Amino acid sequence: MGKYQPGNLDGFLARDRRQRRQEREKDEANRPTGTELGQVTKRLDEQQKQIKKLLESQPVIDIQEKNTSNFGLNTTWSTVVILEIPVPQGTSRCVLQVSVNANVSGENPQGAPIGLARLLVNTDVMLSERVPTTVADKLIMITCSLTANKEYTALPSSISVVLQMQGLNGSYPAFATNTARLNTYTQFMRT
């Protein structure tokens, strides 16, 4: 067998091997160590916790409106409109703002009726008052405008807001002009 004679490709192959070795060493030098990976993972976990805490500290806003019409009243309390507000999970307290507008017309009997209105939240009377009446020739009208705010710390799974009205001295038939609008704005907070 003859002696090895360098060929034309030997220089090219040597350069190629050298270049591949340098790239491999560079990749290994840039590869993160287990310690570095652990530090990055820890930082990401801390950021996730901070984001979660920030989101939980933000109040959840619930805005609702309910309208009703063509209802009648008599001399006992009548539920005019009821609105259910679901309570988000994990909520510890809430601030509830309620506003109501209602107009009730009826025939003008002997002795003009006096109107009463009240707001109930989960069966607790939030606000109760006499409402003004306007007497015309043949008709009498009760106009109701109520606003109330309340903060709650013991929360059930939902909050029911109810407008009840009554005519003290007489009944009001179910006229199409009888209308009521109940608006709620609720801020739910988590601790």
C-alpha atoms as a PDB file:
ATOM      1  CA  MET A   1       0.000   0.000   0.000  1.00  0.00           C
ATOM      2  CA  GLY A   2       1.256   3.382  -0.940  1.00  0.00           C
ATOM      3  CA  LYS A   3       1.971   6.347   1.229  1.00  0.00           C
ATOM      4  CA  TYR A   4      -0.910   8.820   1.859  1.00  0.00           C
ATOM      5  CA  GLN A   5      -0.870  11.703  -0.545  1.00  0.00           C
ATOM      6  CA  PRO A   6      -2.853  14.842   0.424  1.00  0.00           C
ATOM      7  CA  GLY A   7      -5.667  15.521  -2.021  1.00  0.00           C
ATOM      8  CA  ASN A   8      -7.355  18.679  -3.200  1.00  0.00           C
ATOM      9  CA  LEU A   9     -10.336  18.191  -0.819  1.00  0.00           C
ATOM     10  CA  ASP A  10      -8.337  17.828   2.409  1.00  0.00           C
ATOM     11  CA  GLY A  11      -8.058  21.579   3.037  1.00  0.00           C
ATOM     12  CA  PHE A  12     -11.779  22.079   2.367  1.00  0.00           C
ATOM     13  CA  LEU A  13     -12.779  19.187   4.659  1.00  0.00           C
ATOM     14  CA  ALA A  14     -10.485  20.458   7.434  1.00  0.00           C
ATOM     15  CA  ARG A  15     -11.993  23.953   7.192  1.00  0.00           C
ATOM     16  CA  ASP A  16     -15.524  22.502   7.208  1.00  0.00           C
ATOM     17  CA  ARG A  17     -14.780  20.401  10.306  1.00  0.00           C
ATOM     18  CA  ARG A  18     -13.219  23.416  12.044  1.00  0.00           C
ATOM     19  CA  GLN A  19     -16.215  25.618  11.190  1.00  0.00           C
ATOM     20  CA  ARG A  20     -18.719  23.010  12.452  1.00  0.00           C
ATOM     21  CA  ARG A  21     -16.748  22.592  15.681  1.00  0.00           C
ATOM     22  CA  GLN A  22     -16.734  26.378  16.255  1.00  0.00           C
ATOM     23  CA  GLU A  23     -20.510  26.589  15.664  1.00  0.00           C
ATOM     24  CA  ARG A  24     -21.109  23.685  18.059  1.00  0.00           C
ATOM     25  CA  GLU A  25     -18.945  25.333  20.742  1.00  0.00           C
ATOM     26  CA  LYS A  26     -20.753  28.639  20.200  1.00  0.00           C
ATOM     27  CA  ASP A  27     -24.191  26.938  20.562  1.00  0.00           C
ATOM     28  CA  GLU A  28     -23.065  25.191  23.747  1.00  0.00           C
ATOM     29  CA  ALA A  29     -21.720  28.472  25.161  1.00  0.00           C
ATOM     30  CA  ASN A  30     -25.054  30.233  24.461  1.00  0.00           C
ATOM     31  CA  ARG A  31     -27.220  27.426  25.850  1.00  0.00           C
ATOM     32  CA  PRO A  32     -28.739  28.461  29.237  1.00  0.00           C
ATOM     33  CA  THR A  33     -27.636  26.528  32.274  1.00  0.00           C
ATOM     34  CA  GLY A  34     -30.032  24.819  34.666  1.00  0.00           C
ATOM     35  CA  THR A  35     -29.531  27.687  37.144  1.00  0.00           C
ATOM     36  CA  GLU A  36     -30.427  30.293  34.526  1.00  0.00           C
ATOM     37  CA  LEU A  37     -33.533  28.336  33.508  1.00  0.00           C
ATOM     38  CA  GLY A  38     -34.587  28.132  37.159  1.00  0.00           C
ATOM     39  CA  GLN A  39     -34.161  31.900  37.603  1.00  0.00           C
ATOM     40  CA  VAL A  40     -36.262  32.684  34.509  1.00  0.00           C
ATOM     41  CA  THR A  41     -38.986  30.265  35.628  1.00  0.00           C
ATOM     42  CA  LYS A  42     -39.045  31.857  39.087  1.00  0.00           C
ATOM     43  CA  ARG A  43     -39.352  35.356  37.602  1.00  0.00           C
ATOM     44  CA  LEU A  44     -42.220  34.248  35.340  1.00  0.00           C
ATOM     45  CA  ASP A  45     -44.033  32.698  38.327  1.00  0.00           C
ATOM     46  CA  GLU A  46     -43.659  35.939  40.305  1.00  0.00           C
ATOM     47  CA  GLN A  47     -44.984  37.987  37.370  1.00  0.00           C
ATOM     48  CA  GLN A  48     -47.987  35.658  37.008  1.00  0.00           C
ATOM     49  CA  LYS A  49     -48.761  36.062  40.730  1.00  0.00           C
ATOM     50  CA  GLN A  50     -48.517  39.865  40.462  1.00  0.00           C
ATOM     51  CA  ILE A  51     -50.845  39.905  37.430  1.00  0.00           C
ATOM     52  CA  LYS A  52     -53.340  37.646  39.220  1.00  0.00           C
ATOM     53  CA  LYS A  53     -53.261  39.838  42.348  1.00  0.00           C
ATOM     54  CA  LEU A  54     -53.750  42.973  40.227  1.00  0.00           C
ATOM     55  CA  LEU A  55     -56.721  41.458  38.387  1.00  0.00           C
ATOM     56  CA  GLU A  56     -58.302  40.294  41.642  1.00  0.00           C
ATOM     57  CA  SER A  57     -57.956  43.754  43.181  1.00  0.00           C
ATOM     58  CA  GLN A  58     -59.865  45.347  40.296  1.00  0.00           C
ATOM     59  CA  PRO A  59     -63.612  45.676  40.951  1.00  0.00           C
ATOM     60  CA  VAL A  60     -66.047  43.800  38.730  1.00  0.00           C
ATOM     61  CA  ILE A  61     -68.677  46.202  37.396  1.00  0.00           C
ATOM     62  CA  ASP A  62     -72.245  45.062  36.743  1.00  0.00           C
ATOM     63  CA  ILE A  63     -74.737  47.455  35.087  1.00  0.00           C
ATOM     64  CA  GLN A  64     -78.324  46.384  34.507  1.00  0.00           C
ATOM     65  CA  GLU A  65     -81.617  47.945  33.502  1.00  0.00           C
ATOM     66  CA  LYS A  66     -85.111  46.514  33.504  1.00  0.00           C
ATOM     67  CA  ASN A  67     -88.308  48.096  32.193  1.00  0.00           C
ATOM     68  CA  THR A  68     -91.914  47.132  32.739  1.00  0.00           C
ATOM     69  CA  SER A  69     -95.281  48.532  31.717  1.00  0.00           C
ATOM     70  CA  ASN A  70     -99.017  47.880  31.796  1.00  0.00           C
ATOM     71  CA  PHE A  71     -99.147  47.019  35.501  1.00  0.00           C
ATOM     72  CA  GLY A  72    -101.808  47.913  38.059  1.00  0.00           C
ATOM     73  CA  LEU A  73    -101.710  48.836  41.738  1.00  0.00           C
ATOM     74  CA  ASN A  74    -104.056  48.302  44.651  1.00  0.00           C
ATOM     75  CA  THR A  75    -104.063  49.041  48.368  1.00  0.00           C
ATOM     76  CA  THR A  76    -101.470  46.365  49.199  1.00  0.00           C
ATOM     77  CA  TRP A  77     -97.836  46.269  48.134  1.00  0.00           C
ATOM     78  CA  SER A  78     -97.495  45.198  44.487  1.00  0.00           C
ATOM     79  CA  THR A  79     -94.186  44.099  42.984  1.00  0.00           C
ATOM     80  CA  VAL A  80     -93.737  46.308  39.940  1.00  0.00           C
ATOM     81  CA  VAL A  81     -90.301  45.230  38.713  1.00  0.00           C
ATOM     82  CA  ILE A  82     -87.637  42.819  39.976  1.00  0.00           C
ATOM     83  CA  LEU A  83     -84.020  42.520  38.859  1.00  0.00           C
ATOM     84  CA  GLU A  84     -81.549  39.722  39.733  1.00  0.00           C
ATOM     85  CA  ILE A  85     -77.838  40.573  39.932  1.00  0.00           C
ATOM     86  CA  PRO A  86     -75.483  37.551  39.883  1.00  0.00           C
ATOM     87  CA  VAL A  87     -72.563  37.813  42.319  1.00  0.00           C
ATOM     88  CA  PRO A  88     -69.168  36.868  40.793  1.00  0.00           C
ATOM     89  CA  GLN A  89     -67.301  34.046  42.506  1.00  0.00           C
ATOM     90  CA  GLY A  90     -64.673  35.145  45.019  1.00  0.00           C
ATOM     91  CA  THR A  91     -66.399  38.457  45.770  1.00  0.00           C
ATOM     92  CA  SER A  92     -66.162  39.639  49.370  1.00  0.00           C
ATOM     93  CA  ARG A  93     -68.183  42.856  49.244  1.00  0.00           C
ATOM     94  CA  CYS A  94     -70.059  45.124  46.864  1.00  0.00           C
ATOM     95  CA  VAL A  95     -71.396  48.645  46.524  1.00  0.00           C
ATOM     96  CA  LEU A  96     -74.862  48.805  44.976  1.00  0.00           C
ATOM     97  CA  GLN A  97     -76.424  51.926  43.445  1.00  0.00           C
ATOM     98  CA  VAL A  98     -80.082  51.762  42.452  1.00  0.00           C
ATOM     99  CA  SER A  99     -82.255  54.290  40.665  1.00  0.00           C
ATOM    100  CA  VAL A 100     -85.935  53.948  39.810  1.00  0.00           C
ATOM    101  CA  ASN A 101     -88.381  55.966  37.743  1.00  0.00           C
ATOM    102  CA  ALA A 102     -92.054  55.031  37.585  1.00  0.00           C
ATOM    103  CA  ASN A 103     -95.266  56.648  36.376  1.00  0.00           C
ATOM    104  CA  VAL A 104     -98.633  55.182  37.308  1.00  0.00           C
ATOM    105  CA  SER A 105    -101.960  56.579  36.077  1.00  0.00           C
ATOM    106  CA  GLY A 106    -105.421  55.730  37.320  1.00  0.00           C
ATOM    107  CA  GLU A 107    -108.953  57.017  37.464  1.00  0.00           C
ATOM    108  CA  ASN A 108    -109.527  59.757  39.984  1.00  0.00           C
ATOM    109  CA  PRO A 109    -111.847  58.240  42.578  1.00  0.00           C
ATOM    110  CA  GLN A 110    -113.467  60.017  45.492  1.00  0.00           C
ATOM    111  CA  GLY A 111    -110.575  60.905  47.780  1.00  0.00           C
ATOM    112  CA  ALA A 112    -107.384  61.010  45.714  1.00  0.00           C
ATOM    113  CA  PRO A 113    -105.112  57.994  46.308  1.00  0.00           C
ATOM    114  CA  ILE A 114    -101.755  58.522  47.905  1.00  0.00           C
ATOM    115  CA  GLY A 115     -98.878  56.548  46.456  1.00  0.00           C
ATOM    116  CA  LEU A 116     -96.190  54.643  48.308  1.00  0.00           C
ATOM    117  CA  ALA A 117     -93.027  53.158  46.846  1.00  0.00           C
ATOM    118  CA  ARG A 118     -90.204  51.106  48.307  1.00  0.00           C
ATOM    119  CA  LEU A 119     -87.009  49.448  47.162  1.00  0.00           C
ATOM    120  CA  LEU A 120     -86.083  46.054  48.561  1.00  0.00           C
ATOM    121  CA  VAL A 121     -82.727  44.321  48.267  1.00  0.00           C
ATOM    122  CA  ASN A 122     -82.852  40.626  49.176  1.00  0.00           C
ATOM    123  CA  THR A 123     -86.123  41.265  51.097  1.00  0.00           C
ATOM    124  CA  ASP A 124     -84.570  44.092  53.180  1.00  0.00           C
ATOM    125  CA  VAL A 125     -86.285  47.447  52.697  1.00  0.00           C
ATOM    126  CA  MET A 126     -83.614  49.746  51.310  1.00  0.00           C
ATOM    127  CA  LEU A 127     -85.777  52.839  50.895  1.00  0.00           C
ATOM    128  CA  SER A 128     -89.467  53.562  51.461  1.00  0.00           C
ATOM    129  CA  GLU A 129     -91.311  56.823  50.891  1.00  0.00           C
ATOM    130  CA  ARG A 130     -94.540  58.496  49.891  1.00  0.00           C
ATOM    131  CA  VAL A 131     -94.453  59.546  46.267  1.00  0.00           C
ATOM    132  CA  PRO A 132     -96.092  62.653  44.825  1.00  0.00           C
ATOM    133  CA  THR A 133     -99.455  62.463  43.098  1.00  0.00           C
ATOM    134  CA  THR A 134    -100.820  64.730  40.412  1.00  0.00           C
ATOM    135  CA  VAL A 135    -104.596  65.060  40.201  1.00  0.00           C
ATOM    136  CA  ALA A 136    -106.188  65.941  36.871  1.00  0.00           C
ATOM    137  CA  ASP A 137    -109.895  66.102  35.993  1.00  0.00           C
ATOM    138  CA  LYS A 138    -110.426  62.384  35.375  1.00  0.00           C
ATOM    139  CA  LEU A 139    -106.994  60.917  36.149  1.00  0.00           C
ATOM    140  CA  ILE A 140    -104.533  60.804  38.978  1.00  0.00           C
ATOM    141  CA  MET A 141    -100.830  60.049  38.502  1.00  0.00           C
ATOM    142  CA  ILE A 142     -98.162  58.792  40.876  1.00  0.00           C
ATOM    143  CA  THR A 143     -94.632  59.779  39.854  1.00  0.00           C
ATOM    144  CA  CYS A 144     -91.856  57.885  41.578  1.00  0.00           C
ATOM    145  CA  SER A 145     -88.128  58.662  41.430  1.00  0.00           C
ATOM    146  CA  LEU A 146     -85.920  56.887  43.968  1.00  0.00           C
ATOM    147  CA  THR A 147     -82.142  56.633  44.318  1.00  0.00           C
ATOM    148  CA  ALA A 148     -80.275  54.619  46.935  1.00  0.00           C
ATOM    149  CA  ASN A 149     -76.737  53.388  47.663  1.00  0.00           C
ATOM    150  CA  LYS A 150     -75.761  50.525  49.910  1.00  0.00           C
ATOM    151  CA  GLU A 151     -72.625  48.524  50.699  1.00  0.00           C
ATOM    152  CA  TYR A 152     -72.824  44.799  51.420  1.00  0.00           C
ATOM    153  CA  THR A 153     -70.184  42.558  52.991  1.00  0.00           C
ATOM    154  CA  ALA A 154     -72.124  39.298  53.376  1.00  0.00           C
ATOM    155  CA  LEU A 155     -73.007  38.283  49.839  1.00  0.00           C
ATOM    156  CA  PRO A 156     -75.293  35.493  48.633  1.00  0.00           C
ATOM    157  CA  SER A 157     -74.994  33.976  45.146  1.00  0.00           C
ATOM    158  CA  SER A 158     -77.249  36.701  43.720  1.00  0.00           C
ATOM    159  CA  ILE A 159     -78.814  39.995  44.767  1.00  0.00           C
ATOM    160  CA  SER A 160     -82.454  40.711  43.994  1.00  0.00           C
ATOM    161  CA  VAL A 161     -83.584  44.336  43.708  1.00  0.00           C
ATOM    162  CA  VAL A 162     -87.350  44.899  43.846  1.00  0.00           C
ATOM    163  CA  LEU A 163     -89.523  47.970  43.323  1.00  0.00           C
ATOM    164  CA  GLN A 164     -92.878  47.727  45.104  1.00  0.00           C
ATOM    165  CA  MET A 165     -95.671  50.289  44.979  1.00  0.00           C
ATOM    166  CA  GLN A 166     -99.179  50.721  46.317  1.00  0.00           C
ATOM    167  CA  GLY A 167    -102.076  53.165  46.172  1.00  0.00           C
ATOM    168  CA  LEU A 168    -103.193  53.845  49.722  1.00  0.00           C
ATOM    169  CA  ASN A 169    -106.740  55.084  49.089  1.00  0.00           C
ATOM    170  CA  GLY A 170    -107.600  53.315  45.866  1.00  0.00           C
ATOM    171  CA  SER A 171    -106.607  51.016  43.028  1.00  0.00           C
ATOM    172  CA  TYR A 172    -104.922  51.789  39.739  1.00  0.00           C
ATOM    173  CA  PRO A 173    -105.923  49.689  36.726  1.00  0.00           C
ATOM    174  CA  ALA A 174    -103.285  48.169  34.455  1.00  0.00           C
ATOM    175  CA  PHE A 175    -102.928  51.010  31.967  1.00  0.00           C
ATOM    176  CA  ALA A 176    -100.430  50.853  29.105  1.00  0.00           C
ATOM    177  CA  THR A 177     -99.122  54.219  30.314  1.00  0.00           C
ATOM    178  CA  ASN A 178     -98.015  52.668  33.606  1.00  0.00           C
ATOM    179  CA  THR A 179     -94.243  52.336  33.240  1.00  0.00           C
ATOM    180  CA  ALA A 180     -91.285  51.676  35.520  1.00  0.00           C
ATOM    181  CA  ARG A 181     -87.534  51.557  34.900  1.00  0.00           C
ATOM    182  CA  LEU A 182     -85.088  50.080  37.409  1.00  0.00           C
ATOM    183  CA  ASN A 183     -81.334  50.707  36.966  1.00  0.00           C
ATOM    184  CA  THR A 184     -78.562  49.107  39.016  1.00  0.00           C
ATOM    185  CA  TYR A 185     -74.822  49.807  39.062  1.00  0.00           C
ATOM    186  CA  THR A 186     -72.828  47.379  41.206  1.00  0.00           C
ATOM    187  CA  GLN A 187     -69.108  47.259  42.030  1.00  0.00           C
ATOM    188  CA  PHE A 188     -67.984  43.860  43.298  1.00  0.00           C
ATOM    189  CA  MET A 189     -64.679  43.775  45.208  1.00  0.00           C
ATOM    190  CA  ARG A 190     -62.417  40.879  46.152  1.00  0.00           C
ATOM    191  CA  THR A 191     -60.032  40.870  49.089  1.00  0.00           C
END
